[in-house]
Amino acid sequence: MIKAGILGATGAVGQRFVQLLSEHPFFEITEVAASERSAGKTYLEAVSGKWILDSDIPAHVAKMTVKECRPGLDCKIIFSALDSSVAGGVEEDFARAGYYVVSNAKNHRFDDDVPMLIPEVNSDHLAIIPAQQRKRGWKGFITVKPNCSLQSYILALAPLHRKFGVKRAIITTMQAVSGAGYPGVSSLDILDNLIPYIGGEEEKSEKEPLKILGYIEGDRIVNDDSLKFSAHCNRVNIVDGHTATVSVEFAKKPTPEEILELWDSFEGDPQKLCLPSAPKKAIFYRTENNRPQPRLDRMQDGGMGIVVGRLRPCNVFDYRFVCLSHNTIRGAAGGAVLIAELLYKKGMLE
């Protein structure tokens, strides 16, 4: 078992890390860390009245003393759920000190020597890590996961892009309130309402896919600038589950049958390596004309499944379809745990 620490352990994503790692076959939670307000308290005391998940706090974690977020923790891998206002420098301190950092924060997503991973899509980007360590003089390293709203539609588009060439796509997301953290959006703002703006979300949704679908050239990851994405990001009155509608144009237009066959047969390293958190299939396609739906489909394979449906012709581009993923599991903590499992299986945590 590899000793694991969680930074920002008392927040919404930190709590999800605690839940997902509490009985993990590869990792053992040995440290929880948070802000100075929580440091010195037991984890149970620190989250008293603020535990938001539908499972109990794991007993062994509840008794742990919350530490400050600085090197010296008794662990080897760090799962960072820190807010972006503080994450950047703290994560660098841990990597410099020899820890292996898997981050949910946005701070290092566009560093050209830091892999931003959806493990089924671009696990080959892990090859940049030795260059990252060499350039920065680090004993450890940093890997990051992308924005939570990208998980469903980029995984659906990636195999299509590699075979048929995605030219342009218009993405409209309907994002759950849990994506805003806790306590999130005011009830008076979101009840009976839709908010057509999430700060910075559209920019991330248009830029991050270019790096994920890019390639390594020398000591850096280069964006695939052949793609053009236009995003509309909306906050909707759903607790969990980000939905995205996609309209896409290809360089070489496939048939619907070719798309469905590619989705059905596609598997990435998580499936090939049988990683513990990996969904059985990389992409689940629902044939019903009213699916996927957040309430019915967000917990596919424990919340790690990507669910797609409603493939049909588009009057403007070539095709359109609907995607869904659980934003706090696959889109946040679960996606980071899957990256860590990939690192473990590839022998990069030794």
Protein backbone atom coordinates (compact mmCIF):
# COMPACT_ATOMS: atom_id res chain seq x y z
CA MET A 1 0.00 0.00 0.00
CA ILE A 2 1.19 3.50 -0.85
CA LYS A 3 0.69 6.15 1.82
CA ALA A 4 -1.61 8.93 0.61
CA GLY A 5 -2.26 12.46 1.84
CA ILE A 6 -5.19 14.71 0.97
CA LEU A 7 -4.80 18.49 0.79
CA GLY A 8 -7.97 20.50 1.25
CA ALA A 9 -9.43 17.40 2.88
CA THR A 10 -12.33 19.17 4.60
CA GLY A 11 -13.89 20.68 1.47
CA ALA A 12 -16.38 19.09 -0.94
CA VAL A 13 -13.79 17.52 -3.26
CA GLY A 14 -11.55 16.63 -0.31
CA GLN A 15 -14.42 14.75 1.31
CA ARG A 16 -14.97 12.82 -1.91
CA PHE A 17 -11.27 11.88 -1.90
CA VAL A 18 -11.67 10.58 1.65
CA GLN A 19 -14.69 8.52 0.61
CA LEU A 20 -13.09 7.03 -2.53
CA LEU A 21 -9.72 6.26 -0.93
CA SER A 22 -10.93 4.90 2.41
CA GLU A 23 -10.82 1.25 1.28
CA HIS A 24 -8.68 1.53 -1.83
CA PRO A 25 -6.55 -1.49 -2.84
CA PHE A 26 -3.50 0.62 -3.80
CA PHE A 27 -3.58 3.62 -1.46
CA GLU A 28 -3.89 4.12 2.30
CA ILE A 29 -4.93 7.50 3.72
CA THR A 30 -2.28 8.42 6.29
CA GLU A 31 -2.58 12.23 6.29
CA VAL A 32 -5.34 14.82 5.93
CA ALA A 33 -4.45 18.49 5.63
CA ALA A 34 -6.41 21.69 5.33
CA SER A 35 -6.36 25.38 6.27
CA GLU A 36 -4.96 26.80 9.50
CA ARG A 37 -8.54 26.99 10.83
CA SER A 38 -8.79 23.20 10.74
CA ALA A 39 -5.19 22.27 11.57
CA GLY A 40 -4.85 20.64 14.99
CA LYS A 41 -8.42 19.39 15.12
CA THR A 42 -9.48 15.84 14.48
CA TYR A 43 -10.94 15.35 11.02
CA LEU A 44 -14.33 14.68 12.62
CA GLU A 45 -14.16 18.01 14.47
CA ALA A 46 -12.99 19.86 11.36
CA VAL A 47 -15.91 18.68 9.21
CA SER A 48 -18.54 18.72 11.97
CA GLY A 49 -21.77 19.96 10.41
CA LYS A 50 -20.07 20.21 7.01
CA TRP A 51 -19.87 16.57 5.88
CA ILE A 52 -22.04 16.58 2.74
CA LEU A 53 -21.79 13.01 1.42
CA ASP A 54 -24.39 10.28 1.90
CA SER A 55 -21.93 7.90 3.56
CA ASP A 56 -20.40 8.14 7.02
CA ILE A 57 -16.90 9.50 7.61
CA PRO A 58 -14.53 6.51 7.60
CA ALA A 59 -13.78 5.75 11.26
CA HIS A 60 -9.99 5.69 10.91
CA VAL A 61 -9.98 9.05 9.09
CA ALA A 62 -12.36 10.66 11.57
CA LYS A 63 -9.74 10.21 14.31
CA MET A 64 -6.84 11.66 12.30
CA THR A 65 -5.39 15.04 13.25
CA VAL A 66 -5.68 17.57 10.45
CA LYS A 67 -2.27 18.97 9.48
CA GLU A 68 -1.24 22.13 7.64
CA CYS A 69 -0.70 21.92 3.89
CA ARG A 70 3.08 21.84 3.80
CA PRO A 71 5.75 19.18 3.19
CA GLY A 72 6.55 16.90 6.08
CA LEU A 73 3.43 14.78 5.80
CA ASP A 74 3.87 11.02 6.21
CA CYS A 75 2.85 9.95 2.73
CA LYS A 76 4.23 9.52 -0.76
CA ILE A 77 1.33 10.57 -3.02
CA ILE A 78 -0.65 13.77 -2.56
CA PHE A 79 -4.23 14.26 -3.73
CA SER A 80 -4.83 17.99 -3.93
CA ALA A 81 -8.34 19.38 -3.51
CA LEU A 82 -7.03 22.85 -2.72
CA ASP A 83 -8.71 25.98 -3.99
CA SER A 84 -6.88 27.54 -6.92
CA SER A 85 -6.19 30.66 -4.84
CA VAL A 86 -3.56 28.70 -2.89
CA ALA A 87 -2.97 25.46 -4.80
CA GLY A 88 -0.21 26.51 -7.20
CA GLY A 89 2.68 27.24 -4.84
CA VAL A 90 1.68 24.61 -2.29
CA GLU A 91 1.63 21.84 -4.89
CA GLU A 92 5.03 22.95 -6.20
CA ASP A 93 6.45 22.79 -2.66
CA PHE A 94 5.30 19.19 -2.33
CA ALA A 95 6.65 18.18 -5.76
CA ARG A 96 9.97 19.85 -4.97
CA ALA A 97 10.14 17.85 -1.72
CA GLY A 98 9.67 14.55 -3.56
CA TYR A 99 5.94 13.96 -3.32
CA TYR A 100 3.85 12.74 -6.27
CA VAL A 101 1.02 15.27 -6.67
CA VAL A 102 -2.30 14.55 -8.40
CA SER A 103 -4.24 17.80 -8.49
CA ASN A 104 -7.84 18.78 -9.01
CA ALA A 105 -6.92 22.49 -9.17
CA LYS A 106 -6.53 24.53 -12.36
CA ASN A 107 -3.20 26.18 -11.56
CA HIS A 108 -0.83 23.92 -13.52
CA ARG A 109 -3.17 22.78 -16.28
CA PHE A 110 -1.50 24.88 -18.93
CA ASP A 111 2.11 24.30 -17.91
CA ASP A 112 3.58 22.65 -20.99
CA ASP A 113 5.50 20.10 -18.89
CA VAL A 114 2.57 19.05 -16.69
CA PRO A 115 0.31 16.29 -18.04
CA MET A 116 -3.42 17.12 -17.88
CA LEU A 117 -5.01 13.70 -18.06
CA ILE A 118 -8.18 11.92 -18.96
CA PRO A 119 -6.56 8.48 -18.57
CA GLU A 120 -8.50 6.79 -21.40
CA VAL A 121 -7.53 9.58 -23.79
CA ASN A 122 -3.95 10.77 -23.26
CA SER A 123 -2.09 8.48 -20.87
CA ASP A 124 0.91 8.81 -23.23
CA HIS A 125 1.38 12.37 -21.85
CA LEU A 126 2.84 10.82 -18.69
CA ALA A 127 6.06 10.52 -20.69
CA ILE A 128 6.65 14.25 -20.09
CA ILE A 129 7.21 13.77 -16.35
CA PRO A 130 10.99 13.10 -16.51
CA ALA A 131 11.37 16.37 -18.45
CA GLN A 132 9.28 18.17 -15.82
CA GLN A 133 11.51 16.85 -13.04
CA ARG A 134 14.70 17.67 -14.94
CA LYS A 135 13.71 21.23 -15.85
CA ARG A 136 12.38 22.12 -12.41
CA GLY A 137 14.88 20.17 -10.32
CA TRP A 138 12.06 18.30 -8.58
CA LYS A 139 12.28 14.90 -6.92
CA GLY A 140 8.52 14.49 -7.22
CA PHE A 141 6.11 15.66 -9.91
CA ILE A 142 2.70 17.17 -10.59
CA THR A 143 -0.09 15.73 -12.70
CA VAL A 144 -3.49 17.38 -13.07
CA LYS A 145 -6.97 16.47 -14.17
CA PRO A 146 -8.94 18.81 -16.45
CA ASN A 147 -12.07 20.80 -15.75
CA CYS A 148 -14.96 18.66 -14.52
CA SER A 149 -17.29 19.53 -17.41
CA LEU A 150 -14.89 18.15 -20.05
CA GLN A 151 -14.89 14.52 -18.94
CA SER A 152 -17.92 13.29 -20.84
CA TYR A 153 -17.66 14.97 -24.21
CA ILE A 154 -13.88 14.87 -24.65
CA LEU A 155 -13.86 11.14 -23.99
CA ALA A 156 -16.61 10.76 -26.58
CA LEU A 157 -14.85 12.99 -29.12
CA ALA A 158 -11.28 11.69 -28.69
CA PRO A 159 -11.60 8.38 -30.58
CA LEU A 160 -13.63 10.12 -33.29
CA HIS A 161 -10.99 12.82 -33.67
CA ARG A 162 -8.18 10.30 -34.05
CA LYS A 163 -9.98 8.41 -36.81
CA PHE A 164 -12.05 11.04 -38.60
CA GLY A 165 -10.56 14.40 -37.55
CA VAL A 166 -12.76 16.76 -35.54
CA LYS A 167 -12.71 20.20 -37.17
CA ARG A 168 -15.20 22.17 -35.11
CA ALA A 169 -17.56 21.54 -32.22
CA ILE A 170 -20.12 23.58 -30.36
CA ILE A 171 -20.62 22.46 -26.77
CA THR A 172 -23.43 23.51 -24.45
CA THR A 173 -23.06 22.37 -20.85
CA MET A 174 -25.74 22.17 -18.17
CA GLN A 175 -23.70 21.95 -14.98
CA ALA A 176 -24.84 20.79 -11.56
CA VAL A 177 -24.79 23.07 -8.53
CA SER A 178 -22.32 20.78 -6.72
CA GLY A 179 -19.74 21.93 -9.24
CA ALA A 180 -19.69 25.27 -7.43
CA GLY A 181 -18.46 23.64 -4.22
CA TYR A 182 -20.12 23.94 -0.84
CA PRO A 183 -22.35 25.79 -0.02
CA GLY A 184 -22.29 26.66 -3.72
CA VAL A 185 -24.98 28.70 -5.45
CA SER A 186 -27.61 30.50 -3.38
CA SER A 187 -30.98 28.73 -3.42
CA LEU A 188 -32.66 31.99 -4.35
CA ASP A 189 -30.44 32.19 -7.43
CA ILE A 190 -30.79 28.63 -8.72
CA LEU A 191 -34.32 27.48 -7.75
CA ASP A 192 -36.70 27.84 -10.70
CA ASN A 193 -33.77 29.18 -12.68
CA LEU A 194 -30.79 28.68 -14.97
CA ILE A 195 -27.67 30.82 -14.78
CA PRO A 196 -26.03 31.24 -18.21
CA TYR A 197 -22.59 32.13 -16.88
CA ILE A 198 -19.93 30.30 -14.84
CA GLY A 199 -16.79 32.37 -14.39
CA GLY A 200 -13.87 31.10 -16.50
CA GLU A 201 -15.71 27.93 -17.49
CA GLU A 202 -16.16 28.62 -21.18
CA GLU A 203 -12.53 29.60 -21.61
CA LYS A 204 -11.38 26.36 -19.93
CA SER A 205 -13.83 24.31 -21.99
CA GLU A 206 -12.47 25.74 -25.23
CA LYS A 207 -8.76 25.65 -24.37
CA GLU A 208 -8.17 22.53 -22.27
CA PRO A 209 -9.25 20.03 -24.97
CA LEU A 210 -6.51 21.30 -27.28
CA LYS A 211 -3.85 20.24 -24.76
CA ILE A 212 -5.51 16.93 -23.88
CA LEU A 213 -5.70 16.00 -27.56
CA GLY A 214 -2.22 17.37 -28.24
CA TYR A 215 1.15 15.64 -28.37
CA ILE A 216 4.61 15.67 -26.82
CA GLU A 217 7.30 17.45 -28.78
CA GLY A 218 10.70 17.50 -27.09
CA ASP A 219 10.29 18.65 -23.49
CA ARG A 220 6.78 20.06 -23.82
CA ILE A 221 3.20 19.18 -24.61
CA VAL A 222 1.97 20.93 -27.76
CA ASN A 223 -1.71 21.78 -28.32
CA ASP A 224 -3.64 20.35 -31.23
CA ASP A 225 -4.67 23.64 -32.78
CA SER A 226 -6.49 21.96 -35.67
CA LEU A 227 -9.61 21.82 -33.48
CA LYS A 228 -12.00 24.67 -32.81
CA PHE A 229 -14.37 24.56 -29.84
CA SER A 230 -17.13 27.00 -28.92
CA ALA A 231 -18.65 26.53 -25.47
CA HIS A 232 -21.79 27.76 -23.68
CA CYS A 233 -21.66 26.89 -19.96
CA ASN A 234 -24.78 27.07 -17.80
CA ARG A 235 -25.47 26.36 -14.12
CA VAL A 236 -28.71 24.40 -13.72
CA ASN A 237 -30.93 23.21 -10.88
CA ILE A 238 -29.38 19.70 -10.66
CA VAL A 239 -27.46 18.47 -7.59
CA ASP A 240 -24.91 16.19 -9.35
CA GLY A 241 -24.16 15.40 -12.98
CA HIS A 242 -22.89 17.62 -15.78
CA THR A 243 -24.70 17.23 -19.11
CA ALA A 244 -23.28 18.45 -22.43
CA THR A 245 -24.87 18.69 -25.85
CA VAL A 246 -22.38 18.46 -28.72
CA SER A 247 -22.60 19.42 -32.39
CA VAL A 248 -19.50 18.35 -34.34
CA GLU A 249 -18.03 18.66 -37.82
CA PHE A 250 -15.42 16.19 -39.12
CA ALA A 251 -12.65 16.40 -41.68
CA LYS A 252 -13.83 13.01 -42.97
CA LYS A 253 -17.50 12.44 -42.20
CA PRO A 254 -18.19 9.01 -40.68
CA THR A 255 -21.45 7.12 -40.86
CA PRO A 256 -23.58 6.82 -37.70
CA GLU A 257 -22.75 3.12 -37.65
CA GLU A 258 -19.02 3.88 -37.67
CA ILE A 259 -19.40 6.28 -34.74
CA LEU A 260 -21.41 3.79 -32.68
CA GLU A 261 -18.97 0.98 -33.43
CA LEU A 262 -16.02 3.14 -32.43
CA TRP A 263 -17.67 4.15 -29.16
CA ASP A 264 -18.64 0.57 -28.40
CA SER A 265 -15.16 -0.85 -29.02
CA PHE A 266 -13.09 2.00 -27.57
CA GLU A 267 -11.03 1.28 -24.49
CA GLY A 268 -8.13 3.08 -22.91
CA ASP A 269 -5.41 2.12 -20.48
CA PRO A 270 -7.79 2.11 -17.48
CA GLN A 271 -9.86 -0.66 -19.09
CA LYS A 272 -6.85 -2.57 -20.44
CA LEU A 273 -5.12 -2.45 -17.05
CA CYS A 274 -8.35 -3.20 -15.13
CA LEU A 275 -7.80 -0.23 -12.82
CA PRO A 276 -10.00 -0.40 -9.69
CA SER A 277 -11.88 2.85 -10.40
CA ALA A 278 -12.19 2.39 -14.16
CA PRO A 279 -15.64 1.95 -15.68
CA LYS A 280 -16.12 -1.41 -17.40
CA LYS A 281 -16.60 0.34 -20.73
CA ALA A 282 -14.93 3.64 -21.60
CA ILE A 283 -18.17 4.92 -23.19
CA PHE A 284 -21.72 3.74 -22.44
CA TYR A 285 -24.20 4.50 -25.22
CA ARG A 286 -27.91 4.63 -24.34
CA THR A 287 -30.32 3.93 -27.19
CA GLU A 288 -33.40 5.49 -25.56
CA ASN A 289 -34.33 8.84 -27.08
CA ASN A 290 -34.61 10.50 -23.65
CA ARG A 291 -31.23 9.45 -22.19
CA PRO A 292 -28.81 10.19 -20.65
CA GLN A 293 -30.42 11.95 -17.69
CA PRO A 294 -28.51 13.09 -14.58
CA ARG A 295 -30.82 11.44 -12.05
CA LEU A 296 -30.87 8.10 -13.90
CA ASP A 297 -27.35 7.86 -15.32
CA ARG A 298 -24.86 9.84 -13.23
CA MET A 299 -23.99 6.82 -11.04
CA GLN A 300 -23.08 4.57 -13.95
CA ASP A 301 -20.23 2.36 -12.70
CA GLY A 302 -20.10 4.09 -9.35
CA GLY A 303 -20.13 7.55 -10.89
CA MET A 304 -17.08 6.88 -13.08
CA GLY A 305 -18.98 5.99 -16.26
CA ILE A 306 -19.34 8.30 -19.25
CA VAL A 307 -22.83 8.05 -20.73
CA VAL A 308 -23.67 9.17 -24.28
CA GLY A 309 -26.93 9.17 -26.21
CA ARG A 310 -29.07 10.75 -28.93
CA LEU A 311 -26.60 10.48 -31.82
CA ARG A 312 -28.33 12.03 -34.83
CA PRO A 313 -27.59 14.23 -37.87
CA CYS A 314 -26.96 17.94 -37.37
CA ASN A 315 -28.41 20.51 -39.75
CA VAL A 316 -25.39 22.82 -39.33
CA PHE A 317 -22.46 20.46 -38.66
CA ASP A 318 -22.30 16.68 -39.24
CA TYR A 319 -23.67 15.09 -36.07
CA ARG A 320 -25.00 15.96 -32.62
CA PHE A 321 -25.27 13.97 -29.40
CA VAL A 322 -25.65 14.27 -25.61
CA CYS A 323 -23.07 13.35 -22.93
CA LEU A 324 -23.21 13.00 -19.15
CA SER A 325 -20.71 12.48 -16.32
CA HIS A 326 -20.81 12.74 -12.54
CA ASN A 327 -19.01 15.99 -11.81
CA THR A 328 -17.72 15.37 -8.28
CA ILE A 329 -16.78 11.72 -8.85
CA ARG A 330 -15.53 11.28 -12.43
CA GLY A 331 -15.12 15.02 -12.91
CA ALA A 332 -13.16 15.68 -9.71
CA ALA A 333 -11.89 13.28 -7.04
CA GLY A 334 -12.64 10.05 -8.92
CA GLY A 335 -10.87 11.28 -12.03
CA ALA A 336 -7.80 12.13 -9.95
CA VAL A 337 -7.86 8.72 -8.23
CA LEU A 338 -7.98 7.09 -11.68
CA ILE A 339 -4.86 9.05 -12.67
CA ALA A 340 -3.11 7.84 -9.50
CA GLU A 341 -4.09 4.24 -10.27
CA LEU A 342 -2.60 4.63 -13.74
CA LEU A 343 0.63 6.01 -12.25
CA TYR A 344 0.75 3.06 -9.86
CA LYS A 345 0.23 0.43 -12.56
CA LYS A 346 2.85 2.04 -14.78
CA GLY A 347 5.39 1.88 -11.95
CA MET A 348 5.70 5.67 -11.61
CA LEU A 349 5.09 5.80 -7.85
CA GLU A 350 8.15 3.78 -6.88
